[in-house]
Amino acid sequence: MPIKPEGSGTSSTIMSVLAELDQTQAELRNEFPGWRIWYVYRPGRITWAAQREPVLNTRSAEDLRSAIQRTLAGNDGNER
């Protein structure tokens, strides 16, 4: 079985594709701060997704409603 030179073949092609995807992801993150942006790579298919930050966790639906309203109003309740 012939040995392929390093940097050739399927694995280097995949690494090149992933590097390009990572670059695009970084560009999107810079363009849209406050968003969590990711992709899922499967051979022959790439799915992109985004989620607005911050992710809110509360103990009740009513607390979640209040947290969302504070976030939309620009006051997340966290003093810095």
Protein backbone atom coordinates (compact mmCIF):
# COMPACT_ATOMS: atom_id res chain seq x y z
CA MET A 1 0.00 0.00 0.00
CA PRO A 2 1.58 3.32 -1.03
CA ILE A 3 2.14 5.92 1.67
CA LYS A 4 0.72 9.35 0.88
CA PRO A 5 2.96 12.34 1.54
CA GLU A 6 2.04 14.37 4.60
CA GLY A 7 -0.46 17.11 3.85
CA SER A 8 -2.18 15.24 1.05
CA GLY A 9 -5.38 13.28 0.86
CA THR A 10 -8.77 13.43 2.49
CA SER A 11 -7.65 14.49 5.96
CA SER A 12 -5.81 17.57 4.67
CA THR A 13 -8.87 18.49 2.59
CA ILE A 14 -11.09 18.21 5.67
CA MET A 15 -8.64 20.26 7.72
CA SER A 16 -8.65 22.93 5.01
CA VAL A 17 -12.46 23.03 4.98
CA LEU A 18 -12.58 23.24 8.79
CA ALA A 19 -10.01 26.06 8.79
CA GLU A 20 -12.17 27.99 6.32
CA LEU A 21 -15.28 27.38 8.42
CA ASP A 22 -13.46 28.53 11.56
CA GLN A 23 -12.42 31.72 9.75
CA THR A 24 -15.99 32.39 8.63
CA GLN A 25 -17.22 31.72 12.18
CA ALA A 26 -14.70 34.23 13.57
CA GLU A 27 -15.82 36.83 11.03
CA LEU A 28 -19.48 36.32 11.97
CA ARG A 29 -18.68 36.59 15.68
CA ASN A 30 -16.85 39.87 15.07
CA GLU A 31 -19.71 41.17 12.94
CA PHE A 32 -22.40 40.15 15.44
CA PRO A 33 -21.16 40.57 19.02
CA GLY A 34 -23.56 39.24 21.61
CA TRP A 35 -24.36 36.19 19.51
CA ARG A 36 -23.08 32.66 20.05
CA ILE A 37 -22.39 31.35 16.54
CA TRP A 38 -21.43 27.80 15.64
CA TYR A 39 -21.55 25.26 12.88
CA VAL A 40 -21.92 21.51 12.62
CA TYR A 41 -19.80 19.91 9.94
CA ARG A 42 -20.69 16.59 8.40
CA PRO A 43 -19.13 15.45 5.13
CA GLY A 44 -21.24 16.93 2.38
CA ARG A 45 -23.29 19.11 4.75
CA ILE A 46 -22.72 22.13 6.97
CA THR A 47 -25.34 23.59 9.27
CA TRP A 48 -24.93 27.04 10.81
CA ALA A 49 -26.66 28.27 13.98
CA ALA A 50 -26.75 31.32 16.21
CA GLN A 51 -28.14 32.08 19.63
CA ARG A 52 -28.52 35.50 21.13
CA GLU A 53 -26.60 36.03 24.35
CA PRO A 54 -27.11 36.00 27.23
CA VAL A 55 -28.64 32.62 27.90
CA LEU A 56 -31.09 33.10 30.75
CA ASN A 57 -31.79 30.52 33.44
CA THR A 58 -34.39 31.04 36.14
CA ARG A 59 -36.34 29.03 38.69
CA SER A 60 -39.77 29.85 37.31
CA ALA A 61 -41.56 30.98 34.18
CA GLU A 62 -42.44 34.26 35.88
CA ASP A 63 -38.78 34.87 36.78
CA LEU A 64 -37.85 34.07 33.17
CA ARG A 65 -40.44 36.56 31.91
CA SER A 66 -38.93 39.25 34.15
CA ALA A 67 -35.38 38.40 33.10
CA ILE A 68 -36.30 38.59 29.41
CA GLN A 69 -38.05 41.93 29.93
CA ARG A 70 -34.99 43.34 31.77
CA THR A 71 -32.69 42.11 29.00
CA LEU A 72 -34.87 43.61 26.28
CA ALA A 73 -34.93 46.89 28.19
CA GLY A 74 -31.14 46.87 28.32
CA ASN A 75 -30.90 46.18 32.04
CA ASP A 76 -29.90 42.60 32.77
CA GLY A 77 -29.70 43.31 36.50
CA ASN A 78 -25.99 42.62 36.71
CA GLU A 79 -23.99 45.48 38.10
CA ARG A 80 -20.38 45.52 36.90
